[in-house]
């Protein structure tokens, strides 16, 4: 009979946890990688290296499309990089032929 009480007690405990819930603790302690202040410093025509100097770290490639179109003997390439913060805010920048052409941000402070 003692085993039955342990099983019932365990079931009641699990039911209580499911009913009341377990507090969710946000363990993100990372400082934001990108801020609106950094984003605002980015200007059309900048190189990727110049942007990395401002942001402080490398971005993640989210799109890389090369075309067969050539001009002056060079293949035209468009690459999109992304930087994200722990709170899912972030920014994307597009480069064409190695120069910043577009930038966008989501919920940056």
N, C-alpha and C. Protein backbone atom coordinates (compact mmCIF):
# COMPACT_ATOMS: atom_id res chain seq x y z
N UNK A 1 0.81 -1.19 0.00
CA UNK A 1 0.00 0.00 0.00
C UNK A 1 0.85 1.26 0.00
N UNK A 2 2.06 1.22 0.56
CA UNK A 2 2.95 2.36 0.58
C UNK A 2 3.38 2.77 -0.82
N UNK A 3 3.55 1.77 -1.72
CA UNK A 3 3.93 2.07 -3.10
C UNK A 3 2.80 2.80 -3.83
N UNK A 4 1.59 2.43 -3.53
CA UNK A 4 0.43 3.07 -4.17
C UNK A 4 0.35 4.54 -3.77
N UNK A 5 0.64 4.84 -2.50
CA UNK A 5 0.63 6.24 -2.05
C UNK A 5 1.72 7.05 -2.75
N UNK A 6 2.89 6.44 -2.97
CA UNK A 6 3.98 7.14 -3.66
C UNK A 6 3.56 7.46 -5.10
N UNK A 7 2.93 6.51 -5.77
CA UNK A 7 2.50 6.72 -7.15
C UNK A 7 1.43 7.81 -7.20
N UNK A 8 0.46 7.74 -6.29
CA UNK A 8 -0.60 8.75 -6.26
C UNK A 8 0.00 10.12 -5.93
N UNK A 9 0.93 10.18 -4.99
CA UNK A 9 1.58 11.43 -4.63
C UNK A 9 2.33 12.02 -5.80
N UNK A 10 3.02 11.17 -6.56
CA UNK A 10 3.77 11.62 -7.74
C UNK A 10 2.81 12.18 -8.79
N UNK A 11 1.72 11.49 -9.01
CA UNK A 11 0.72 11.94 -9.99
C UNK A 11 0.12 13.28 -9.57
N UNK A 12 -0.17 13.42 -8.27
CA UNK A 12 -0.72 14.69 -7.76
C UNK A 12 0.30 15.81 -7.96
N UNK A 13 1.58 15.52 -7.66
CA UNK A 13 2.63 16.52 -7.83
C UNK A 13 2.74 16.95 -9.29
N UNK A 14 2.75 16.03 -10.22
CA UNK A 14 2.82 16.35 -11.66
C UNK A 14 1.59 17.15 -12.07
N UNK A 15 0.41 16.75 -11.60
CA UNK A 15 -0.81 17.49 -11.92
C UNK A 15 -0.76 18.91 -11.39
N UNK A 16 -0.21 19.09 -10.19
CA UNK A 16 -0.08 20.43 -9.60
C UNK A 16 0.86 21.29 -10.44
N UNK A 17 1.98 20.72 -10.83
CA UNK A 17 2.94 21.46 -11.66
C UNK A 17 2.31 21.86 -12.98
N UNK A 18 1.58 20.95 -13.61
CA UNK A 18 0.92 21.26 -14.87
C UNK A 18 -0.19 22.30 -14.70
N UNK A 19 -0.90 22.22 -13.58
CA UNK A 19 -1.99 23.16 -13.33
C UNK A 19 -1.46 24.55 -13.00
N UNK A 20 -0.51 24.63 -12.11
CA UNK A 20 0.03 25.92 -11.67
C UNK A 20 1.06 26.44 -12.65
N UNK A 21 1.82 25.54 -13.21
CA UNK A 21 2.87 25.93 -14.14
C UNK A 21 4.21 26.09 -13.44
N UNK A 22 5.22 26.02 -14.22
CA UNK A 22 6.57 26.21 -13.72
C UNK A 22 7.04 27.56 -14.22
N UNK A 23 7.56 28.39 -13.34
CA UNK A 23 8.02 29.69 -13.82
C UNK A 23 9.10 29.54 -14.87
N UNK A 24 8.98 30.35 -15.91
CA UNK A 24 9.98 30.32 -16.97
C UNK A 24 11.02 31.37 -16.64
N UNK A 25 12.24 30.93 -16.58
CA UNK A 25 13.34 31.83 -16.27
C UNK A 25 14.08 32.14 -17.55
N UNK A 26 14.24 33.41 -17.82
CA UNK A 26 14.96 33.83 -19.01
C UNK A 26 16.45 33.78 -18.69
N UNK A 27 17.14 32.84 -19.28
CA UNK A 27 18.56 32.66 -19.01
C UNK A 27 19.45 33.43 -19.97
N UNK A 28 18.84 34.21 -20.86
CA UNK A 28 19.65 34.99 -21.80
C UNK A 28 20.32 36.13 -21.05
N UNK A 29 21.61 36.10 -21.05
CA UNK A 29 22.37 37.17 -20.41
C UNK A 29 23.23 37.89 -21.43
N UNK A 30 23.11 37.49 -22.66
CA UNK A 30 23.93 38.10 -23.71
C UNK A 30 23.56 39.55 -23.91
N UNK A 31 24.57 40.36 -24.07
CA UNK A 31 24.34 41.74 -24.46
C UNK A 31 23.92 41.74 -25.93
N UNK A 32 23.11 42.67 -26.34
CA UNK A 32 22.72 42.73 -27.76
C UNK A 32 23.93 42.88 -28.66
N UNK A 33 23.91 42.17 -29.77
CA UNK A 33 24.98 42.26 -30.75
C UNK A 33 24.84 43.55 -31.54
N UNK A 34 23.62 43.86 -31.92
CA UNK A 34 23.36 45.02 -32.75
C UNK A 34 22.31 45.90 -32.08
N UNK A 35 22.51 47.20 -32.19
CA UNK A 35 21.57 48.18 -31.63
C UNK A 35 21.14 49.11 -32.76
N UNK A 36 20.12 49.92 -32.48
CA UNK A 36 19.69 50.87 -33.50
C UNK A 36 20.80 51.89 -33.76
N UNK A 37 21.55 52.24 -32.73
CA UNK A 37 22.65 53.20 -32.89
C UNK A 37 23.69 52.68 -33.89
N UNK A 38 24.05 51.39 -33.77
CA UNK A 38 24.99 50.79 -34.72
C UNK A 38 24.37 50.71 -36.11
N UNK A 39 23.11 50.26 -36.17
CA UNK A 39 22.40 50.13 -37.44
C UNK A 39 22.36 51.47 -38.17
N UNK A 40 22.11 52.53 -37.43
CA UNK A 40 21.98 53.87 -38.01
C UNK A 40 23.30 54.37 -38.62
N UNK A 41 24.43 53.83 -38.18
CA UNK A 41 25.73 54.24 -38.70
C UNK A 41 26.04 53.65 -40.08
N UNK A 42 25.30 52.62 -40.48
CA UNK A 42 25.57 51.94 -41.74
C UNK A 42 25.09 52.77 -42.91
N UNK A 43 25.96 52.95 -43.89
CA UNK A 43 25.65 53.79 -45.05
C UNK A 43 25.81 52.98 -46.34
N UNK A 44 24.97 53.30 -47.32
CA UNK A 44 25.10 52.65 -48.63
C UNK A 44 26.51 52.84 -49.15
N UNK A 45 27.02 51.78 -49.78
CA UNK A 45 28.35 51.82 -50.35
C UNK A 45 29.43 51.26 -49.44
N UNK A 46 29.10 51.02 -48.16
CA UNK A 46 30.09 50.46 -47.24
C UNK A 46 30.39 49.01 -47.62
N UNK A 47 31.59 48.56 -47.22
CA UNK A 47 31.97 47.16 -47.43
C UNK A 47 31.54 46.34 -46.22
N UNK A 48 31.55 45.03 -46.39
CA UNK A 48 31.23 44.12 -45.29
C UNK A 48 32.20 44.34 -44.13
N UNK A 49 33.46 44.50 -44.42
CA UNK A 49 34.47 44.70 -43.38
C UNK A 49 34.20 45.96 -42.56
N UNK A 50 33.76 47.03 -43.22
CA UNK A 50 33.44 48.26 -42.51
C UNK A 50 32.25 48.05 -41.57
N UNK A 51 31.29 47.26 -42.01
CA UNK A 51 30.11 46.99 -41.18
C UNK A 51 30.49 46.11 -39.99
N UNK A 52 31.33 45.11 -40.21
CA UNK A 52 31.78 44.26 -39.11
C UNK A 52 32.53 45.10 -38.07
N UNK A 53 33.31 46.07 -38.52
CA UNK A 53 34.00 46.97 -37.58
C UNK A 53 33.00 47.73 -36.71
N UNK A 54 31.89 48.15 -37.27
CA UNK A 54 30.87 48.89 -36.51
C UNK A 54 30.11 47.96 -35.57
N UNK A 55 29.67 46.81 -36.08
CA UNK A 55 28.86 45.89 -35.29
C UNK A 55 29.70 45.17 -34.25
N UNK A 56 30.91 44.80 -34.62
CA UNK A 56 31.79 44.13 -33.67
C UNK A 56 31.87 42.63 -33.83
N UNK A 57 31.12 42.08 -34.76
CA UNK A 57 31.22 40.65 -35.05
C UNK A 57 30.66 40.33 -36.43
N UNK A 58 31.02 39.16 -36.92
CA UNK A 58 30.60 38.71 -38.25
C UNK A 58 29.09 38.45 -38.27
N UNK A 59 28.48 38.64 -39.42
CA UNK A 59 27.08 38.31 -39.61
C UNK A 59 26.93 36.89 -40.15
N UNK A 60 25.69 36.46 -40.28
CA UNK A 60 25.37 35.14 -40.83
C UNK A 60 24.81 35.33 -42.23
N UNK A 61 25.32 34.58 -43.19
CA UNK A 61 24.81 34.66 -44.56
C UNK A 61 23.44 34.00 -44.61
N UNK A 62 22.44 34.74 -45.07
CA UNK A 62 21.10 34.17 -45.22
C UNK A 62 20.71 34.01 -46.68
N UNK A 63 21.46 34.64 -47.57
CA UNK A 63 21.20 34.51 -49.00
C UNK A 63 22.47 34.87 -49.76
N UNK A 64 22.76 34.07 -50.76
CA UNK A 64 23.93 34.32 -51.60
C UNK A 64 23.57 33.92 -53.02
N UNK A 65 23.39 34.93 -53.88
CA UNK A 65 23.00 34.62 -55.25
C UNK A 65 23.98 35.26 -56.22
N UNK A 66 24.59 34.42 -56.97
CA UNK A 66 25.49 34.91 -58.03
C UNK A 66 24.76 34.78 -59.35
N UNK A 67 25.00 35.71 -60.23
CA UNK A 67 24.38 35.64 -61.55
C UNK A 67 25.46 35.41 -62.60
N UNK A 68 25.03 35.01 -63.76
CA UNK A 68 25.97 34.82 -64.86
C UNK A 68 26.26 36.12 -65.58
N UNK A 69 25.52 37.17 -65.22
CA UNK A 69 25.71 38.46 -65.86
C UNK A 69 27.09 39.00 -65.50
N UNK A 70 27.81 39.41 -66.47
CA UNK A 70 29.13 39.97 -66.21
C UNK A 70 29.19 41.40 -66.70
N UNK A 71 29.90 42.21 -65.97
CA UNK A 71 30.14 43.58 -66.37
C UNK A 71 31.59 43.87 -66.04
N UNK A 72 32.31 44.35 -67.00
CA UNK A 72 33.73 44.60 -66.82
C UNK A 72 34.48 43.35 -66.37
N UNK A 73 34.03 42.18 -66.84
CA UNK A 73 34.71 40.93 -66.54
C UNK A 73 34.44 40.36 -65.16
N UNK A 74 33.52 40.94 -64.39
CA UNK A 74 33.23 40.45 -63.05
C UNK A 74 31.80 39.92 -62.96
N UNK A 75 31.64 38.79 -62.25
CA UNK A 75 30.31 38.23 -62.02
C UNK A 75 29.60 39.05 -60.96
N UNK A 76 28.34 39.36 -61.20
CA UNK A 76 27.55 40.14 -60.25
C UNK A 76 27.03 39.23 -59.14
N UNK A 77 27.20 39.64 -57.89
CA UNK A 77 26.81 38.84 -56.75
C UNK A 77 26.02 39.68 -55.76
N UNK A 78 24.94 39.10 -55.22
CA UNK A 78 24.19 39.73 -54.14
C UNK A 78 24.24 38.80 -52.94
N UNK A 79 24.65 39.34 -51.80
CA UNK A 79 24.75 38.56 -50.56
C UNK A 79 23.99 39.31 -49.47
N UNK A 80 23.20 38.57 -48.68
CA UNK A 80 22.47 39.15 -47.56
C UNK A 80 23.00 38.55 -46.26
N UNK A 81 23.37 39.43 -45.33
CA UNK A 81 23.85 39.01 -44.01
C UNK A 81 22.83 39.42 -42.96
N UNK A 82 22.83 38.68 -41.85
CA UNK A 82 21.90 38.95 -40.76
C UNK A 82 22.65 38.93 -39.43
N UNK A 83 22.24 39.81 -38.53
CA UNK A 83 22.71 39.82 -37.14
C UNK A 83 21.47 39.76 -36.27
N UNK A 84 21.43 38.86 -35.29
CA UNK A 84 20.27 38.73 -34.40
C UNK A 84 20.71 38.85 -32.95
N UNK A 85 19.85 39.45 -32.15
CA UNK A 85 20.04 39.54 -30.70
C UNK A 85 19.25 38.41 -30.03
N UNK A 86 19.52 38.18 -28.76
CA UNK A 86 18.83 37.13 -28.02
C UNK A 86 17.34 37.33 -27.90
N UNK A 87 16.87 38.58 -28.04
CA UNK A 87 15.43 38.86 -27.96
C UNK A 87 14.76 38.84 -29.34
N UNK A 88 15.48 38.33 -30.34
CA UNK A 88 15.00 38.18 -31.71
C UNK A 88 14.94 39.49 -32.49
N UNK A 89 15.39 40.58 -31.90
CA UNK A 89 15.55 41.79 -32.68
C UNK A 89 16.80 41.60 -33.54
N UNK A 90 16.96 42.42 -34.56
CA UNK A 90 18.14 42.27 -35.39
C UNK A 90 18.09 43.11 -36.64
N UNK A 91 19.00 42.80 -37.55
CA UNK A 91 19.06 43.55 -38.80
C UNK A 91 19.57 42.65 -39.91
N UNK A 92 19.26 43.06 -41.13
CA UNK A 92 19.76 42.42 -42.35
C UNK A 92 20.34 43.49 -43.24
N UNK A 93 21.42 43.14 -43.92
CA UNK A 93 22.02 44.05 -44.89
C UNK A 93 22.28 43.29 -46.18
N UNK A 94 22.07 43.96 -47.30
CA UNK A 94 22.29 43.37 -48.61
C UNK A 94 23.47 44.04 -49.28
N UNK A 95 24.30 43.23 -49.90
CA UNK A 95 25.45 43.72 -50.63
C UNK A 95 25.34 43.31 -52.08
N UNK A 96 25.67 44.20 -52.96
CA UNK A 96 25.79 43.87 -54.38
C UNK A 96 27.20 44.25 -54.77
N UNK A 97 27.89 43.26 -55.30
CA UNK A 97 29.29 43.45 -55.71
C UNK A 97 30.14 44.01 -54.57
N UNK A 98 29.88 43.53 -53.35
CA UNK A 98 30.71 43.89 -52.22
C UNK A 98 30.38 45.20 -51.54
N UNK A 99 29.31 45.86 -51.95
CA UNK A 99 28.94 47.16 -51.35
C UNK A 99 27.51 47.11 -50.82
N UNK A 100 27.30 47.75 -49.66
CA UNK A 100 25.98 47.80 -49.04
C UNK A 100 24.99 48.52 -49.95
N UNK A 101 23.88 47.85 -50.24
CA UNK A 101 22.84 48.46 -51.07
C UNK A 101 21.55 48.68 -50.30
N UNK A 102 21.24 47.80 -49.33
CA UNK A 102 20.00 47.92 -48.56
C UNK A 102 20.24 47.45 -47.14
N UNK A 103 19.47 48.02 -46.21
CA UNK A 103 19.52 47.58 -44.82
C UNK A 103 18.11 47.62 -44.25
N UNK A 104 17.83 46.70 -43.32
CA UNK A 104 16.53 46.68 -42.64
C UNK A 104 16.75 46.19 -41.21
N UNK A 105 15.86 46.60 -40.33
CA UNK A 105 15.99 46.21 -38.93
C UNK A 105 14.64 45.80 -38.38
N UNK A 106 14.67 45.00 -37.32
CA UNK A 106 13.46 44.56 -36.65
C UNK A 106 13.60 44.81 -35.16
N UNK A 107 12.79 45.70 -34.61
CA UNK A 107 12.66 45.96 -33.18
C UNK A 107 13.97 46.28 -32.47
N UNK A 108 14.86 46.99 -33.12
CA UNK A 108 16.11 47.38 -32.46
C UNK A 108 15.88 48.55 -31.53
N UNK A 109 16.57 48.52 -30.41
CA UNK A 109 16.52 49.62 -29.44
C UNK A 109 17.71 50.53 -29.64
